[in-house]
Amino acid sequence: METKASLRGARMSAQKGRLVADLIRGKPVDQAMNILAYTPKKGAAIVKKLLESAIANAEHNDGADIDALKVKTIYVERGMFLKRFAARAKGRGNRVLKHTCHIYITVGD
């Protein structure tokens, strides 16, 4: 049995999100939560909250045993850009692209 959770439009680049996702892929959820709790990256807090959501979905919707759950799949895709500009000299402007990403987690036994 597999249960999914997703987060779309997280304010983080996909490359930075993948660094965190690689840490917990294939691990049991209790071990994954410990890893994320002590990882000093912004993406760790975002992924931890999403993992908690996936665990709650598995328990509430599917009646799964939390102790038997593992992180089956986790992947991070590039999302839309927030397009901003920064003022420069002589009335010009530079484009600033603020990256977002979509994170998808599947937990199962």
PDB file of N, CA and C in Angstrom:
ATOM      1  N   MET A   1       0.833  -1.171   0.000  1.00  0.00           N
ATOM      2  CA  MET A   1       0.000   0.000   0.000  1.00  0.00           C
ATOM      3  C   MET A   1       0.888   1.247   0.000  1.00  0.00           C
ATOM      4  N   GLU A   2       0.547   2.192  -0.841  1.00  0.00           N
ATOM      5  CA  GLU A   2       1.338   3.416  -0.961  1.00  0.00           C
ATOM      6  C   GLU A   2       0.440   4.623  -0.743  1.00  0.00           C
ATOM      7  N   THR A   3       0.991   5.622  -0.098  1.00  0.00           N
ATOM      8  CA  THR A   3       0.277   6.860   0.154  1.00  0.00           C
ATOM      9  C   THR A   3       1.155   8.014  -0.302  1.00  0.00           C
ATOM     10  N   LYS A   4       0.530   9.015  -0.906  1.00  0.00           N
ATOM     11  CA  LYS A   4       1.283  10.121  -1.482  1.00  0.00           C
ATOM     12  C   LYS A   4       0.995  11.429  -0.764  1.00  0.00           C
ATOM     13  N   ALA A   5       1.941  12.343  -0.873  1.00  0.00           N
ATOM     14  CA  ALA A   5       1.773  13.727  -0.446  1.00  0.00           C
ATOM     15  C   ALA A   5       2.609  14.577  -1.401  1.00  0.00           C
ATOM     16  N   SER A   6       2.120  15.760  -1.697  1.00  0.00           N
ATOM     17  CA  SER A   6       2.860  16.622  -2.619  1.00  0.00           C
ATOM     18  C   SER A   6       2.810  18.060  -2.142  1.00  0.00           C
ATOM     19  N   LEU A   7       3.831  18.792  -2.512  1.00  0.00           N
ATOM     20  CA  LEU A   7       3.915  20.216  -2.228  1.00  0.00           C
ATOM     21  C   LEU A   7       4.318  20.898  -3.520  1.00  0.00           C
ATOM     22  N   ARG A   8       3.489  21.818  -3.965  1.00  0.00           N
ATOM     23  CA  ARG A   8       3.762  22.507  -5.221  1.00  0.00           C
ATOM     24  C   ARG A   8       4.086  23.965  -4.944  1.00  0.00           C
ATOM     25  N   GLY A   9       5.112  24.461  -5.628  1.00  0.00           N
ATOM     26  CA  GLY A   9       5.478  25.866  -5.506  1.00  0.00           C
ATOM     27  C   GLY A   9       6.277  26.204  -4.262  1.00  0.00           C
ATOM     28  N   ALA A  10       7.064  25.265  -3.757  1.00  0.00           N
ATOM     29  CA  ALA A  10       7.908  25.549  -2.591  1.00  0.00           C
ATOM     30  C   ALA A  10       8.983  26.552  -2.991  1.00  0.00           C
ATOM     31  N   ARG A  11       9.242  27.535  -2.128  1.00  0.00           N
ATOM     32  CA  ARG A  11      10.190  28.595  -2.452  1.00  0.00           C
ATOM     33  C   ARG A  11      11.623  28.152  -2.196  1.00  0.00           C
ATOM     34  N   MET A  12      12.100  27.306  -3.113  1.00  0.00           N
ATOM     35  CA  MET A  12      13.447  26.759  -3.022  1.00  0.00           C
ATOM     36  C   MET A  12      13.774  26.226  -4.407  1.00  0.00           C
ATOM     37  N   SER A  13      15.029  26.261  -4.780  1.00  0.00           N
ATOM     38  CA  SER A  13      15.377  25.729  -6.087  1.00  0.00           C
ATOM     39  C   SER A  13      15.328  24.205  -6.053  1.00  0.00           C
ATOM     40  N   ALA A  14      15.070  23.611  -7.187  1.00  0.00           N
ATOM     41  CA  ALA A  14      14.962  22.154  -7.272  1.00  0.00           C
ATOM     42  C   ALA A  14      16.292  21.484  -6.951  1.00  0.00           C
ATOM     43  N   GLN A  15      17.380  22.106  -7.338  1.00  0.00           N
ATOM     44  CA  GLN A  15      18.699  21.537  -7.077  1.00  0.00           C
ATOM     45  C   GLN A  15      18.961  21.421  -5.574  1.00  0.00           C
ATOM     46  N   LYS A  16      18.586  22.441  -4.818  1.00  0.00           N
ATOM     47  CA  LYS A  16      18.781  22.404  -3.365  1.00  0.00           C
ATOM     48  C   LYS A  16      17.819  21.420  -2.713  1.00  0.00           C
ATOM     49  N   GLY A  17      16.628  21.294  -3.269  1.00  0.00           N
ATOM     50  CA  GLY A  17      15.672  20.333  -2.744  1.00  0.00           C
ATOM     51  C   GLY A  17      16.113  18.901  -2.968  1.00  0.00           C
ATOM     52  N   ARG A  18      16.751  18.643  -4.099  1.00  0.00           N
ATOM     53  CA  ARG A  18      17.218  17.282  -4.397  1.00  0.00           C
ATOM     54  C   ARG A  18      18.325  16.839  -3.450  1.00  0.00           C
ATOM     55  N   LEU A  19      19.138  17.779  -2.978  1.00  0.00           N
ATOM     56  CA  LEU A  19      20.185  17.430  -2.020  1.00  0.00           C
ATOM     57  C   LEU A  19      19.580  16.842  -0.744  1.00  0.00           C
ATOM     58  N   VAL A  20      18.480  17.414  -0.294  1.00  0.00           N
ATOM     59  CA  VAL A  20      17.812  16.921   0.902  1.00  0.00           C
ATOM     60  C   VAL A  20      17.060  15.626   0.607  1.00  0.00           C
ATOM     61  N   ALA A  21      16.403  15.562  -0.558  1.00  0.00           N
ATOM     62  CA  ALA A  21      15.623  14.373  -0.912  1.00  0.00           C
ATOM     63  C   ALA A  21      16.516  13.136  -1.008  1.00  0.00           C
ATOM     64  N   ASP A  22      17.724  13.310  -1.482  1.00  0.00           N
ATOM     65  CA  ASP A  22      18.644  12.179  -1.616  1.00  0.00           C
ATOM     66  C   ASP A  22      19.039  11.581  -0.260  1.00  0.00           C
ATOM     67  N   LEU A  23      18.952  12.387   0.797  1.00  0.00           N
ATOM     68  CA  LEU A  23      19.331  11.909   2.123  1.00  0.00           C
ATOM     69  C   LEU A  23      18.350  10.875   2.672  1.00  0.00           C
ATOM     70  N   ILE A  24      17.071  10.983   2.305  1.00  0.00           N
ATOM     71  CA  ILE A  24      16.056  10.137   2.953  1.00  0.00           C
ATOM     72  C   ILE A  24      15.437   9.102   2.029  1.00  0.00           C
ATOM     73  N   ARG A  25      15.794   9.094   0.773  1.00  0.00           N
ATOM     74  CA  ARG A  25      15.181   8.155  -0.173  1.00  0.00           C
ATOM     75  C   ARG A  25      15.444   6.706   0.248  1.00  0.00           C
ATOM     76  N   GLY A  26      14.367   5.907   0.403  1.00  0.00           N
ATOM     77  CA  GLY A  26      14.480   4.499   0.747  1.00  0.00           C
ATOM     78  C   GLY A  26      14.618   4.192   2.230  1.00  0.00           C
ATOM     79  N   LYS A  27      14.641   5.208   3.080  1.00  0.00           N
ATOM     80  CA  LYS A  27      14.826   4.997   4.514  1.00  0.00           C
ATOM     81  C   LYS A  27      13.474   4.801   5.213  1.00  0.00           C
ATOM     82  N   PRO A  28      13.469   4.125   6.366  1.00  0.00           N
ATOM     83  CA  PRO A  28      12.244   4.077   7.183  1.00  0.00           C
ATOM     84  C   PRO A  28      11.885   5.487   7.651  1.00  0.00           C
ATOM     85  N   VAL A  29      10.597   5.740   7.868  1.00  0.00           N
ATOM     86  CA  VAL A  29      10.168   7.111   8.138  1.00  0.00           C
ATOM     87  C   VAL A  29      10.719   7.656   9.457  1.00  0.00           C
ATOM     88  N   ASP A  30      10.890   6.817  10.478  1.00  0.00           N
ATOM     89  CA  ASP A  30      11.434   7.333  11.736  1.00  0.00           C
ATOM     90  C   ASP A  30      12.888   7.758  11.574  1.00  0.00           C
ATOM     91  N   GLN A  31      13.642   7.003  10.806  1.00  0.00           N
ATOM     92  CA  GLN A  31      15.038   7.364  10.529  1.00  0.00           C
ATOM     93  C   GLN A  31      15.093   8.618   9.654  1.00  0.00           C
ATOM     94  N   ALA A  32      14.192   8.714   8.679  1.00  0.00           N
ATOM     95  CA  ALA A  32      14.144   9.887   7.797  1.00  0.00           C
ATOM     96  C   ALA A  32      13.807  11.149   8.590  1.00  0.00           C
ATOM     97  N   MET A  33      12.882  11.043   9.550  1.00  0.00           N
ATOM     98  CA  MET A  33      12.522  12.205  10.363  1.00  0.00           C
ATOM     99  C   MET A  33      13.713  12.666  11.212  1.00  0.00           C
ATOM    100  N   ASN A  34      14.491  11.722  11.749  1.00  0.00           N
ATOM    101  CA  ASN A  34      15.675  12.080  12.527  1.00  0.00           C
ATOM    102  C   ASN A  34      16.718  12.766  11.656  1.00  0.00           C
ATOM    103  N   ILE A  35      16.918  12.256  10.452  1.00  0.00           N
ATOM    104  CA  ILE A  35      17.888  12.861   9.540  1.00  0.00           C
ATOM    105  C   ILE A  35      17.481  14.296   9.217  1.00  0.00           C
ATOM    106  N   LEU A  36      16.198  14.490   8.913  1.00  0.00           N
ATOM    107  CA  LEU A  36      15.719  15.828   8.539  1.00  0.00           C
ATOM    108  C   LEU A  36      15.759  16.791   9.730  1.00  0.00           C
ATOM    109  N   ALA A  37      15.532  16.280  10.929  1.00  0.00           N
ATOM    110  CA  ALA A  37      15.536  17.150  12.110  1.00  0.00           C
ATOM    111  C   ALA A  37      16.915  17.750  12.363  1.00  0.00           C
ATOM    112  N   TYR A  38      17.984  17.026  12.002  1.00  0.00           N
ATOM    113  CA  TYR A  38      19.336  17.494  12.274  1.00  0.00           C
ATOM    114  C   TYR A  38      20.103  17.901  11.025  1.00  0.00           C
ATOM    115  N   THR A  39      19.404  18.128   9.930  1.00  0.00           N
ATOM    116  CA  THR A  39      20.044  18.609   8.711  1.00  0.00           C
ATOM    117  C   THR A  39      19.893  20.124   8.651  1.00  0.00           C
ATOM    118  N   PRO A  40      21.001  20.879   8.624  1.00  0.00           N
ATOM    119  CA  PRO A  40      20.911  22.338   8.684  1.00  0.00           C
ATOM    120  C   PRO A  40      20.685  22.992   7.322  1.00  0.00           C
ATOM    121  N   LYS A  41      19.637  22.610   6.646  1.00  0.00           N
ATOM    122  CA  LYS A  41      19.310  23.203   5.356  1.00  0.00           C
ATOM    123  C   LYS A  41      17.865  23.666   5.381  1.00  0.00           C
ATOM    124  N   LYS A  42      17.571  24.708   4.616  1.00  0.00           N
ATOM    125  CA  LYS A  42      16.204  25.206   4.544  1.00  0.00           C
ATOM    126  C   LYS A  42      15.265  24.134   4.006  1.00  0.00           C
ATOM    127  N   GLY A  43      15.733  23.371   3.026  1.00  0.00           N
ATOM    128  CA  GLY A  43      14.910  22.340   2.413  1.00  0.00           C
ATOM    129  C   GLY A  43      14.553  21.224   3.369  1.00  0.00           C
ATOM    130  N   ALA A  44      15.348  21.011   4.399  1.00  0.00           N
ATOM    131  CA  ALA A  44      15.080  19.934   5.352  1.00  0.00           C
ATOM    132  C   ALA A  44      13.784  20.200   6.111  1.00  0.00           C
ATOM    133  N   ALA A  45      13.542  21.441   6.496  1.00  0.00           N
ATOM    134  CA  ALA A  45      12.315  21.781   7.216  1.00  0.00           C
ATOM    135  C   ALA A  45      11.095  21.607   6.315  1.00  0.00           C
ATOM    136  N   ILE A  46      11.222  21.980   5.050  1.00  0.00           N
ATOM    137  CA  ILE A  46      10.116  21.856   4.105  1.00  0.00           C
ATOM    138  C   ILE A  46       9.796  20.394   3.841  1.00  0.00           C
ATOM    139  N   VAL A  47      10.825  19.590   3.605  1.00  0.00           N
ATOM    140  CA  VAL A  47      10.625  18.168   3.316  1.00  0.00           C
ATOM    141  C   VAL A  47      10.119  17.436   4.562  1.00  0.00           C
ATOM    142  N   LYS A  48      10.576  17.841   5.742  1.00  0.00           N
ATOM    143  CA  LYS A  48      10.113  17.201   6.980  1.00  0.00           C
ATOM    144  C   LYS A  48       8.623  17.412   7.162  1.00  0.00           C
ATOM    145  N   LYS A  49       8.155  18.621   6.916  1.00  0.00           N
ATOM    146  CA  LYS A  49       6.734  18.915   7.057  1.00  0.00           C
ATOM    147  C   LYS A  49       5.911  18.111   6.051  1.00  0.00           C
ATOM    148  N   LEU A  50       6.429  17.965   4.844  1.00  0.00           N
ATOM    149  CA  LEU A  50       5.732  17.179   3.826  1.00  0.00           C
ATOM    150  C   LEU A  50       5.736  15.698   4.184  1.00  0.00           C
ATOM    151  N   LEU A  51       6.827  15.199   4.741  1.00  0.00           N
ATOM    152  CA  LEU A  51       6.885  13.803   5.167  1.00  0.00           C
ATOM    153  C   LEU A  51       5.887  13.533   6.291  1.00  0.00           C
ATOM    154  N   GLU A  52       5.759  14.480   7.220  1.00  0.00           N
ATOM    155  CA  GLU A  52       4.755  14.349   8.283  1.00  0.00           C
ATOM    156  C   GLU A  52       3.352  14.279   7.690  1.00  0.00           C
ATOM    157  N   SER A  53       3.110  15.053   6.651  1.00  0.00           N
ATOM    158  CA  SER A  53       1.815  15.023   5.977  1.00  0.00           C
ATOM    159  C   SER A  53       1.565  13.674   5.318  1.00  0.00           C
ATOM    160  N   ALA A  54       2.588  13.121   4.676  1.00  0.00           N
ATOM    161  CA  ALA A  54       2.442  11.814   4.028  1.00  0.00           C
ATOM    162  C   ALA A  54       2.176  10.721   5.062  1.00  0.00           C
ATOM    163  N   ILE A  55       2.833  10.802   6.218  1.00  0.00           N
ATOM    164  CA  ILE A  55       2.614   9.818   7.278  1.00  0.00           C
ATOM    165  C   ILE A  55       1.187   9.939   7.811  1.00  0.00           C
ATOM    166  N   ALA A  56       0.721  11.162   8.016  1.00  0.00           N
ATOM    167  CA  ALA A  56      -0.642  11.368   8.496  1.00  0.00           C
ATOM    168  C   ALA A  56      -1.666  10.875   7.478  1.00  0.00           C
ATOM    169  N   ASN A  57      -1.396  11.084   6.200  1.00  0.00           N
ATOM    170  CA  ASN A  57      -2.293  10.573   5.149  1.00  0.00           C
ATOM    171  C   ASN A  57      -2.357   9.053   5.194  1.00  0.00           C
ATOM    172  N   ALA A  58      -1.212   8.409   5.382  1.00  0.00           N
ATOM    173  CA  ALA A  58      -1.168   6.948   5.416  1.00  0.00           C
ATOM    174  C   ALA A  58      -1.939   6.410   6.617  1.00  0.00           C
ATOM    175  N   GLU A  59      -1.796   7.084   7.755  1.00  0.00           N
ATOM    176  CA  GLU A  59      -2.469   6.615   8.962  1.00  0.00           C
ATOM    177  C   GLU A  59      -3.975   6.852   8.890  1.00  0.00           C
ATOM    178  N   HIS A  60      -4.368   8.032   8.479  1.00  0.00           N
ATOM    179  CA  HIS A  60      -5.778   8.394   8.509  1.00  0.00           C
ATOM    180  C   HIS A  60      -6.568   7.792   7.347  1.00  0.00           C
ATOM    181  N   ASN A  61      -6.033   7.885   6.146  1.00  0.00           N
ATOM    182  CA  ASN A  61      -6.783   7.447   4.963  1.00  0.00           C
ATOM    183  C   ASN A  61      -6.686   5.949   4.719  1.00  0.00           C
ATOM    184  N   ASP A  62      -5.509   5.372   4.967  1.00  0.00           N
ATOM    185  CA  ASP A  62      -5.294   3.961   4.634  1.00  0.00           C
ATOM    186  C   ASP A  62      -5.167   3.061   5.851  1.00  0.00           C
ATOM    187  N   GLY A  63      -5.130   3.638   7.041  1.00  0.00           N
ATOM    188  CA  GLY A  63      -4.994   2.830   8.252  1.00  0.00           C
ATOM    189  C   GLY A  63      -3.672   2.088   8.345  1.00  0.00           C
ATOM    190  N   ALA A  64      -2.619   2.680   7.837  1.00  0.00           N
ATOM    191  CA  ALA A  64      -1.319   2.016   7.807  1.00  0.00           C
ATOM    192  C   ALA A  64      -0.639   2.072   9.178  1.00  0.00           C
ATOM    193  N   ASP A  65       0.239   1.111   9.430  1.00  0.00           N
ATOM    194  CA  ASP A  65       1.048   1.087  10.638  1.00  0.00           C
ATOM    195  C   ASP A  65       2.253   1.997  10.417  1.00  0.00           C
ATOM    196  N   ILE A  66       2.404   3.013  11.257  1.00  0.00           N
ATOM    197  CA  ILE A  66       3.454   4.018  11.065  1.00  0.00           C
ATOM    198  C   ILE A  66       4.844   3.402  11.182  1.00  0.00           C
ATOM    199  N   ASP A  67       4.997   2.411  12.059  1.00  0.00           N
ATOM    200  CA  ASP A  67       6.316   1.823  12.292  1.00  0.00           C
ATOM    201  C   ASP A  67       6.834   1.051  11.081  1.00  0.00           C
ATOM    202  N   ALA A  68       5.930   0.614  10.198  1.00  0.00           N
ATOM    203  CA  ALA A  68       6.338  -0.188   9.049  1.00  0.00           C
ATOM    204  C   ALA A  68       6.544   0.654   7.788  1.00  0.00           C
ATOM    205  N   LEU A  69       6.300   1.959   7.853  1.00  0.00           N
ATOM    206  CA  LEU A  69       6.371   2.797   6.654  1.00  0.00           C
ATOM    207  C   LEU A  69       7.815   3.115   6.275  1.00  0.00           C
ATOM    208  N   LYS A  70       8.057   3.174   4.973  1.00  0.00           N
ATOM    209  CA  LYS A  70       9.336   3.596   4.412  1.00  0.00           C
ATOM    210  C   LYS A  70       9.082   4.662   3.360  1.00  0.00           C
ATOM    211  N   VAL A  71      10.092   5.459   3.080  1.00  0.00           N
ATOM    212  CA  VAL A  71      10.000   6.446   2.003  1.00  0.00           C
ATOM    213  C   VAL A  71      10.260   5.704   0.704  1.00  0.00           C
ATOM    214  N   LYS A  72       9.199   5.399  -0.031  1.00  0.00           N
ATOM    215  CA  LYS A  72       9.340   4.639  -1.281  1.00  0.00           C
ATOM    216  C   LYS A  72       9.988   5.502  -2.356  1.00  0.00           C
ATOM    217  N   THR A  73       9.342   6.624  -2.655  1.00  0.00           N
ATOM    218  CA  THR A  73       9.899   7.532  -3.657  1.00  0.00           C
ATOM    219  C   THR A  73       9.811   8.958  -3.126  1.00  0.00           C
ATOM    220  N   ILE A  74      10.775   9.744  -3.506  1.00  0.00           N
ATOM    221  CA  ILE A  74      10.734  11.189  -3.278  1.00  0.00           C
ATOM    222  C   ILE A  74      11.458  11.824  -4.439  1.00  0.00           C
ATOM    223  N   TYR A  75      10.804  12.763  -5.078  1.00  0.00           N
ATOM    224  CA  TYR A  75      11.484  13.475  -6.150  1.00  0.00           C
ATOM    225  C   TYR A  75      11.072  14.931  -6.170  1.00  0.00           C
ATOM    226  N   VAL A  76      11.969  15.747  -6.687  1.00  0.00           N
ATOM    227  CA  VAL A  76      11.815  17.192  -6.699  1.00  0.00           C
ATOM    228  C   VAL A  76      11.921  17.666  -8.141  1.00  0.00           C
ATOM    229  N   GLU A  77      10.907  18.388  -8.596  1.00  0.00           N
ATOM    230  CA  GLU A  77      10.896  18.919  -9.957  1.00  0.00           C
ATOM    231  C   GLU A  77      10.924  20.436  -9.919  1.00  0.00           C
ATOM    232  N   ARG A  78      11.409  21.015 -10.999  1.00  0.00           N
ATOM    233  CA  ARG A  78      11.453  22.466 -11.103  1.00  0.00           C
ATOM    234  C   ARG A  78      10.048  23.025 -11.261  1.00  0.00           C
ATOM    235  N   GLY A  79       9.769  24.125 -10.577  1.00  0.00           N
ATOM    236  CA  GLY A  79       8.475  24.781 -10.684  1.00  0.00           C
ATOM    237  C   GLY A  79       8.591  26.068 -11.487  1.00  0.00           C
ATOM    238  N   MET A  80       7.607  26.915 -11.322  1.00  0.00           N
ATOM    239  CA  MET A  80       7.599  28.201 -12.012  1.00  0.00           C
ATOM    240  C   MET A  80       8.631  29.145 -11.375  1.00  0.00           C
ATOM    241  N   PHE A  81       8.973  30.189 -12.101  1.00  0.00           N
ATOM    242  CA  PHE A  81       9.845  31.226 -11.570  1.00  0.00           C
ATOM    243  C   PHE A  81       8.985  32.408 -11.137  1.00  0.00           C
ATOM    244  N   LEU A  82       9.359  33.037 -10.032  1.00  0.00           N
ATOM    245  CA  LEU A  82       8.796  34.335  -9.700  1.00  0.00           C
ATOM    246  C   LEU A  82       9.730  35.356 -10.343  1.00  0.00           C
ATOM    247  N   LYS A  83       9.203  36.156 -11.250  1.00  0.00           N
ATOM    248  CA  LYS A  83      10.043  37.076 -12.007  1.00  0.00           C
ATOM    249  C   LYS A  83      10.020  38.447 -11.345  1.00  0.00           C
ATOM    250  N   ARG A  84      11.180  38.882 -10.906  1.00  0.00           N
ATOM    251  CA  ARG A  84      11.331  40.173 -10.249  1.00  0.00           C
ATOM    252  C   ARG A  84      12.434  40.946 -10.966  1.00  0.00           C
ATOM    253  N   PHE A  85      12.629  42.196 -10.587  1.00  0.00           N
ATOM    254  CA  PHE A  85      13.763  42.915 -11.154  1.00  0.00           C
ATOM    255  C   PHE A  85      14.473  43.680 -10.052  1.00  0.00           C
ATOM    256  N   ALA A  86      15.754  43.902 -10.295  1.00  0.00           N
ATOM    257  CA  ALA A  86      16.588  44.674  -9.379  1.00  0.00           C
ATOM    258  C   ALA A  86      17.038  45.929 -10.105  1.00  0.00           C
ATOM    259  N   ALA A  87      16.894  47.067  -9.455  1.00  0.00           N
ATOM    260  CA  ALA A  87      17.277  48.336 -10.064  1.00  0.00           C
ATOM    261  C   ALA A  87      18.788  48.402 -10.253  1.00  0.00           C
ATOM    262  N   ARG A  88      19.204  48.910 -11.401  1.00  0.00           N
ATOM    263  CA  ARG A  88      20.611  49.072 -11.717  1.00  0.00           C
ATOM    264  C   ARG A  88      20.866  50.532 -12.106  1.00  0.00           C
ATOM    265  N   ALA A  89      22.087  50.811 -12.486  1.00  0.00           N
ATOM    266  CA  ALA A  89      22.473  52.184 -12.800  1.00  0.00           C
ATOM    267  C   ALA A  89      21.829  52.660 -14.099  1.00  0.00           C
ATOM    268  N   LYS A  90      21.680  53.973 -14.238  1.00  0.00           N
ATOM    269  CA  LYS A  90      21.195  54.643 -15.447  1.00  0.00           C
ATOM    270  C   LYS A  90      19.789  54.195 -15.829  1.00  0.00           C
ATOM    271  N   GLY A  91      18.953  53.906 -14.844  1.00  0.00           N
ATOM    272  CA  GLY A  91      17.567  53.572 -15.124  1.00  0.00           C
ATOM    273  C   GLY A  91      17.328  52.179 -15.664  1.00  0.00           C
ATOM    274  N   ARG A  92      18.326  51.352 -15.622  1.00  0.00           N
ATOM    275  CA  ARG A  92      18.170  49.996 -16.133  1.00  0.00           C
ATOM    276  C   ARG A  92      17.665  49.076 -15.024  1.00  0.00           C
ATOM    277  N   GLY A  93      17.396  47.849 -15.409  1.00  0.00           N
ATOM    278  CA  GLY A  93      16.989  46.853 -14.426  1.00  0.00           C
ATOM    279  C   GLY A  93      17.496  45.486 -14.828  1.00  0.00           C
ATOM    280  N   ASN A  94      17.834  44.678 -13.873  1.00  0.00           N
ATOM    281  CA  ASN A  94      18.235  43.300 -14.123  1.00  0.00           C
ATOM    282  C   ASN A  94      17.114  42.367 -13.691  1.00  0.00           C
ATOM    283  N   ARG A  95      16.922  41.306 -14.438  1.00  0.00           N
ATOM    284  CA  ARG A  95      15.915  40.310 -14.086  1.00  0.00           C
ATOM    285  C   ARG A  95      16.436  39.430 -12.957  1.00  0.00           C
ATOM    286  N   VAL A  96      15.571  39.180 -11.994  1.00  0.00           N
ATOM    287  CA  VAL A  96      15.875  38.266 -10.899  1.00  0.00           C
ATOM    288  C   VAL A  96      14.839  37.157 -10.956  1.00  0.00           C
ATOM    289  N   LEU A  97      15.307  35.917 -11.104  1.00  0.00           N
ATOM    290  CA  LEU A  97      14.409  34.772 -11.154  1.00  0.00           C
ATOM    291  C   LEU A  97      14.446  34.071  -9.803  1.00  0.00           C
ATOM    292  N   LYS A  98      13.305  34.045  -9.126  1.00  0.00           N
ATOM    293  CA  LYS A  98      13.218  33.359  -7.837  1.00  0.00           C
ATOM    294  C   LYS A  98      12.635  31.979  -8.094  1.00  0.00           C
ATOM    295  N   HIS A  99      13.433  30.959  -7.825  1.00  0.00           N
ATOM    296  CA  HIS A  99      13.081  29.593  -8.184  1.00  0.00           C
ATOM    297  C   HIS A  99      12.057  28.994  -7.227  1.00  0.00           C
ATOM    298  N   THR A 100      11.217  28.118  -7.777  1.00  0.00           N
ATOM    299  CA  THR A 100      10.318  27.311  -6.965  1.00  0.00           C
ATOM    300  C   THR A 100      10.464  25.860  -7.407  1.00  0.00           C
ATOM    301  N   CYS A 101       9.910  24.946  -6.617  1.00  0.00           N
ATOM    302  CA  CYS A 101       9.985  23.536  -6.971  1.00  0.00           C
ATOM    303  C   CYS A 101       8.731  22.819  -6.491  1.00  0.00           C
ATOM    304  N   HIS A 102       8.501  21.654  -7.050  1.00  0.00           N
ATOM    305  CA  HIS A 102       7.414  20.775  -6.653  1.00  0.00           C
ATOM    306  C   HIS A 102       8.047  19.529  -6.029  1.00  0.00           C
ATOM    307  N   ILE A 103       7.569  19.133  -4.855  1.00  0.00           N
ATOM    308  CA  ILE A 103       8.119  17.981  -4.150  1.00  0.00           C
ATOM    309  C   ILE A 103       7.020  16.928  -4.025  1.00  0.00           C
ATOM    310  N   TYR A 104       7.345  15.677  -4.353  1.00  0.00           N
ATOM    311  CA  TYR A 104       6.396  14.578  -4.278  1.00  0.00           C
ATOM    312  C   TYR A 104       7.004  13.453  -3.454  1.00  0.00           C
ATOM    313  N   ILE A 105       6.247  12.978  -2.460  1.00  0.00           N
ATOM    314  CA  ILE A 105       6.708  11.888  -1.589  1.00  0.00           C
ATOM    315  C   ILE A 105       5.681  10.768  -1.618  1.00  0.00           C
ATOM    316  N   THR A 106       6.168   9.532  -1.717  1.00  0.00           N
ATOM    317  CA  THR A 106       5.327   8.349  -1.580  1.00  0.00           C
ATOM    318  C   THR A 106       5.883   7.491  -0.457  1.00  0.00           C
ATOM    319  N   VAL A 107       5.025   7.171   0.519  1.00  0.00           N
ATOM    320  CA  VAL A 107       5.426   6.289   1.605  1.00  0.00           C
ATOM    321  C   VAL A 107       4.623   4.995   1.508  1.00  0.00           C
ATOM    322  N   GLY A 108       5.234   3.906   1.913  1.00  0.00           N
ATOM    323  CA  GLY A 108       4.556   2.605   1.871  1.00  0.00           C
ATOM    324  C   GLY A 108       5.315   1.592   2.697  1.00  0.00           C
ATOM    325  N   ASP A 109       4.760   0.364   2.735  1.00  0.00           N
ATOM    326  CA  ASP A 109       5.434  -0.678   3.512  1.00  0.00           C
ATOM    327  C   ASP A 109       6.123  -1.669   2.628  1.00  0.00           C
TER     328      ASP A 109
END
